[in-house]
């Protein structure tokens, strides 16, 4: 299986290319600064990894990308690049939820051999909020428990057995309930998406390039001056 995967939903840009020949898996990957630099650096990084792998885009089975939730600009960049490359190569795209990629990355770090694993995936949503989804891994597959959520750190609920994984602990650690002590740093990496891809592709999750669309959990991405002042208690 030949795949290109990338995620630009956070301040880390993650890209990976894999090819499997005669049962042997080869991997080329890049992790670097994302954010404002993503729009100018993503395509050159992809081209470099594809060159290292000795592959053309038309040889890929699919282009895998993080569809969100995450940075508004980062998600638009990922979708547009995935669309453009897939149209040109006449192949399909595989959108993967970034919170699911966080859960998979945490599983590999914490308990890669466990047949059953539960985790609450968290990503910084800015504006004093976090994106959240709860997942359970069993029988080699992930199941999402409940809906996505957007909440403030203080609103997170759980007990001492609850595992948290994500990129929120540097900025919100002191605001999370003290009972939630199992905290693991994890990002939505391209390599996590590559591990998720075979099951998702087999289930028919790949779509035409036109359907490379972002997943937004927040309709409003900016506040007015009055709203910011009210939040700070100025008014």
Protein backbone atom coordinates (compact mmCIF):
# COMPACT_ATOMS: atom_id res chain seq x y z
CA UNK A 1 0.00 0.00 0.00
CA UNK A 2 1.34 3.41 -1.01
CA UNK A 3 0.07 6.41 0.94
CA UNK A 4 0.82 10.07 1.56
CA UNK A 5 -0.45 11.55 4.84
CA UNK A 6 -0.25 15.02 6.36
CA UNK A 7 -1.74 17.06 9.18
CA UNK A 8 -1.62 20.85 9.56
CA UNK A 9 -4.35 21.29 12.17
CA UNK A 10 -1.98 22.43 14.96
CA UNK A 11 1.26 24.38 15.31
CA UNK A 12 3.10 21.21 14.26
CA UNK A 13 3.15 20.22 10.59
CA UNK A 14 3.41 16.44 10.20
CA UNK A 15 3.94 14.69 6.86
CA UNK A 16 4.68 11.04 6.02
CA UNK A 17 4.92 8.77 3.00
CA UNK A 18 4.80 4.99 3.12
CA UNK A 19 5.15 2.19 0.66
CA UNK A 20 4.84 -1.54 1.24
CA UNK A 21 6.77 -3.83 -1.07
CA UNK A 22 6.68 -7.63 -0.62
CA UNK A 23 5.36 -7.17 2.91
CA UNK A 24 8.15 -4.77 3.93
CA UNK A 25 6.94 -1.32 5.02
CA UNK A 26 9.11 1.70 4.31
CA UNK A 27 8.42 5.11 5.85
CA UNK A 28 9.63 8.63 5.16
CA UNK A 29 8.46 11.36 7.54
CA UNK A 30 8.84 15.00 8.47
CA UNK A 31 7.77 16.96 11.55
CA UNK A 32 8.31 20.69 11.81
CA UNK A 33 6.86 24.05 12.64
CA UNK A 34 3.39 24.62 11.27
CA UNK A 35 1.12 27.58 11.84
CA UNK A 36 1.77 30.49 9.50
CA UNK A 37 4.56 28.63 7.69
CA UNK A 38 2.38 25.71 6.65
CA UNK A 39 1.00 27.27 3.47
CA UNK A 40 4.49 27.82 2.04
CA UNK A 41 6.25 24.73 3.37
CA UNK A 42 3.73 21.89 3.05
CA UNK A 43 3.99 21.26 -0.70
CA UNK A 44 7.84 21.41 -0.82
CA UNK A 45 8.02 18.95 2.10
CA UNK A 46 5.57 16.60 0.38
CA UNK A 47 7.54 16.78 -2.88
CA UNK A 48 10.80 16.06 -1.04
CA UNK A 49 9.40 12.98 0.76
CA UNK A 50 7.83 11.65 -2.43
CA UNK A 51 11.17 12.08 -4.17
CA UNK A 52 12.95 10.23 -1.36
CA UNK A 53 10.43 7.41 -1.66
CA UNK A 54 10.88 7.31 -5.43
CA UNK A 55 7.14 7.57 -6.05
CA UNK A 56 4.83 9.56 -8.28
CA UNK A 57 1.51 10.87 -6.97
CA UNK A 58 -0.41 8.72 -9.46
CA UNK A 59 1.06 5.62 -7.77
CA UNK A 60 -0.57 6.43 -4.44
CA UNK A 61 -3.55 4.43 -3.25
CA UNK A 62 -4.90 7.55 -1.53
CA UNK A 63 -3.94 10.88 0.01
CA UNK A 64 -4.64 10.91 3.75
CA UNK A 65 -5.15 14.21 5.59
CA UNK A 66 -6.30 15.55 8.93
CA UNK A 67 -9.72 17.11 8.39
CA UNK A 68 -10.08 18.66 11.83
CA UNK A 69 -11.03 19.93 14.24
CA UNK A 70 -8.14 22.34 14.51
CA UNK A 71 -6.74 25.59 13.22
CA UNK A 72 -9.09 27.23 10.70
CA UNK A 73 -6.25 28.19 8.36
CA UNK A 74 -4.44 24.89 8.84
CA UNK A 75 -7.53 22.85 7.94
CA UNK A 76 -8.17 24.91 4.82
CA UNK A 77 -4.57 24.39 3.76
CA UNK A 78 -4.76 20.63 4.27
CA UNK A 79 -8.03 20.31 2.36
CA UNK A 80 -6.90 22.43 -0.58
CA UNK A 81 -3.56 20.62 -0.93
CA UNK A 82 -5.22 17.21 -0.65
CA UNK A 83 -7.79 18.23 -3.27
CA UNK A 84 -5.26 19.64 -5.69
CA UNK A 85 -2.87 16.69 -5.51
CA UNK A 86 -5.67 14.13 -5.72
CA UNK A 87 -7.30 15.82 -8.71
CA UNK A 88 -3.99 15.91 -10.52
CA UNK A 89 -3.20 12.26 -9.75
CA UNK A 90 -6.82 11.09 -10.27
CA UNK A 91 -6.91 9.31 -6.92
CA UNK A 92 -9.14 9.47 -3.85
CA UNK A 93 -8.59 11.19 -0.51
CA UNK A 94 -9.04 9.81 2.98
CA UNK A 95 -10.13 12.43 5.56
CA UNK A 96 -9.23 11.45 9.14
CA UNK A 97 -10.43 13.19 12.29
CA UNK A 98 -7.53 14.84 14.08
CA UNK A 99 -8.82 13.80 17.51
CA UNK A 100 -8.85 10.17 16.37
CA UNK A 101 -5.23 10.58 15.28
CA UNK A 102 -4.42 11.93 18.76
CA UNK A 103 -6.06 8.86 20.30
CA UNK A 104 -4.06 6.52 18.05
CA UNK A 105 -0.80 8.33 18.81
CA UNK A 106 -1.52 8.05 22.54
CA UNK A 107 -2.29 4.34 22.24
CA UNK A 108 1.05 3.70 20.57
CA UNK A 109 2.88 5.66 23.27
CA UNK A 110 1.05 4.30 26.31
CA UNK A 111 -0.18 0.78 25.58
CA UNK A 112 0.71 -0.46 22.08
CA UNK A 113 0.11 -4.13 22.94
CA UNK A 114 -3.17 -3.75 24.86
CA UNK A 115 -6.23 -5.14 23.09
CA UNK A 116 -8.50 -2.69 24.95
CA UNK A 117 -7.71 0.99 25.44
CA UNK A 118 -9.76 4.08 26.31
CA UNK A 119 -8.71 7.70 26.03
CA UNK A 120 -10.11 11.23 25.94
CA UNK A 121 -8.46 13.15 23.10
CA UNK A 122 -8.02 16.91 23.51
CA UNK A 123 -6.78 19.64 21.19
CA UNK A 124 -6.31 23.32 21.94
CA UNK A 125 -9.14 25.25 20.28
CA UNK A 126 -7.77 28.68 21.33
CA UNK A 127 -10.15 31.26 22.79
CA UNK A 128 -9.79 29.49 26.19
CA UNK A 129 -11.43 26.29 24.91
CA UNK A 130 -10.56 22.70 23.95
CA UNK A 131 -11.84 20.25 21.35
CA UNK A 132 -12.74 16.87 22.86
CA UNK A 133 -13.71 13.37 21.78
CA UNK A 134 -13.72 10.08 23.74
CA UNK A 135 -12.52 6.87 22.09
CA UNK A 136 -12.32 3.19 22.83
CA UNK A 137 -10.00 0.74 21.05
CA UNK A 138 -11.09 -2.89 20.91
CA UNK A 139 -10.72 -5.80 18.50
CA UNK A 140 -8.25 -3.77 16.46
CA UNK A 141 -10.66 -0.91 15.78
CA UNK A 142 -11.48 2.48 17.24
CA UNK A 143 -15.00 3.41 18.37
CA UNK A 144 -15.98 6.98 19.21
CA UNK A 145 -18.01 7.23 22.41
CA UNK A 146 -20.33 10.21 22.30
CA UNK A 147 -20.20 13.38 20.24
CA UNK A 148 -17.46 15.92 19.71
CA UNK A 149 -17.37 18.69 22.26
CA UNK A 150 -15.97 22.19 22.62
CA UNK A 151 -15.49 23.24 26.23
CA UNK A 152 -13.43 25.22 28.70
CA UNK A 153 -10.74 23.33 30.67
CA UNK A 154 -12.66 23.69 33.94
CA UNK A 155 -15.70 21.98 32.41
CA UNK A 156 -13.93 18.69 31.66
CA UNK A 157 -15.41 15.78 33.61
CA UNK A 158 -13.91 12.42 34.53
CA UNK A 159 -12.34 10.41 37.33
CA UNK A 160 -8.81 9.38 38.27
CA UNK A 161 -8.95 6.46 35.80
CA UNK A 162 -9.62 8.76 32.85
CA UNK A 163 -6.70 9.01 30.41
CA UNK A 164 -6.23 12.39 28.74
CA UNK A 165 -4.11 12.83 25.63
CA UNK A 166 -3.47 15.90 23.53
CA UNK A 167 -1.62 19.20 23.23
CA UNK A 168 -3.48 21.20 25.90
CA UNK A 169 -1.42 20.54 29.02
CA UNK A 170 1.20 23.26 28.63
CA UNK A 171 -1.45 25.97 28.38
CA UNK A 172 -4.34 24.58 30.45
CA UNK A 173 -2.74 22.22 32.97
CA UNK A 174 -3.57 24.36 36.02
CA UNK A 175 -7.18 24.81 34.90
CA UNK A 176 -8.02 21.13 34.46
CA UNK A 177 -9.71 19.34 37.40
CA UNK A 178 -6.99 18.06 39.74
CA UNK A 179 -8.52 14.55 39.83
CA UNK A 180 -7.58 14.13 36.15
CA UNK A 181 -3.95 13.14 36.67
CA UNK A 182 -3.35 10.77 33.72
CA UNK A 183 -2.17 13.27 31.13
CA UNK A 184 -0.14 12.40 28.03
CA UNK A 185 1.18 14.76 25.39
CA UNK A 186 0.11 13.59 21.93
CA UNK A 187 -0.32 15.20 18.52
CA UNK A 188 -2.29 14.24 15.40
CA UNK A 189 0.72 12.87 13.53
CA UNK A 190 0.83 11.72 9.93
CA UNK A 191 2.24 8.37 11.06
CA UNK A 192 -0.78 7.83 13.33
CA UNK A 193 -3.01 8.52 10.32
CA UNK A 194 -1.09 5.95 8.28
CA UNK A 195 -1.74 3.34 10.96
CA UNK A 196 -5.45 4.20 10.89
CA UNK A 197 -5.71 4.28 7.11
CA UNK A 198 -5.92 0.53 6.23
CA UNK A 199 -9.04 -0.11 8.33
CA UNK A 200 -10.69 3.10 7.14
CA UNK A 201 -9.88 2.39 3.49
CA UNK A 202 -11.25 -1.13 3.83
CA UNK A 203 -14.49 0.31 5.25
CA UNK A 204 -14.94 2.59 2.23
CA UNK A 205 -14.04 5.88 3.93
CA UNK A 206 -12.04 7.21 0.97
CA UNK A 207 -13.87 9.87 -1.04
CA UNK A 208 -13.50 11.85 -4.25
CA UNK A 209 -11.27 14.96 -4.06
CA UNK A 210 -14.27 17.31 -4.13
CA UNK A 211 -15.26 15.92 -0.72
CA UNK A 212 -11.98 16.83 0.95
CA UNK A 213 -13.78 19.10 3.40
CA UNK A 214 -12.79 20.40 6.85
CA UNK A 215 -14.50 19.50 10.11
CA UNK A 216 -15.31 22.68 12.03
CA UNK A 217 -16.68 22.52 15.56
CA UNK A 218 -16.81 26.25 16.08
CA UNK A 219 -18.96 28.40 13.85
CA UNK A 220 -17.52 31.61 15.18
CA UNK A 221 -13.73 31.99 15.03
CA UNK A 222 -13.35 35.62 16.15
CA UNK A 223 -14.69 37.87 18.85
CA UNK A 224 -15.69 41.51 18.64
CA UNK A 225 -13.91 44.13 20.72
CA UNK A 226 -16.91 44.32 23.07
CA UNK A 227 -16.97 40.53 23.51
CA UNK A 228 -13.27 40.41 24.37
CA UNK A 229 -13.66 43.25 26.83
CA UNK A 230 -16.66 41.57 28.49
CA UNK A 231 -14.76 38.29 28.81
CA UNK A 232 -11.91 40.09 30.58
CA UNK A 233 -14.34 41.80 32.96
CA UNK A 234 -13.63 45.26 31.62
CA UNK A 235 -17.29 46.08 30.99
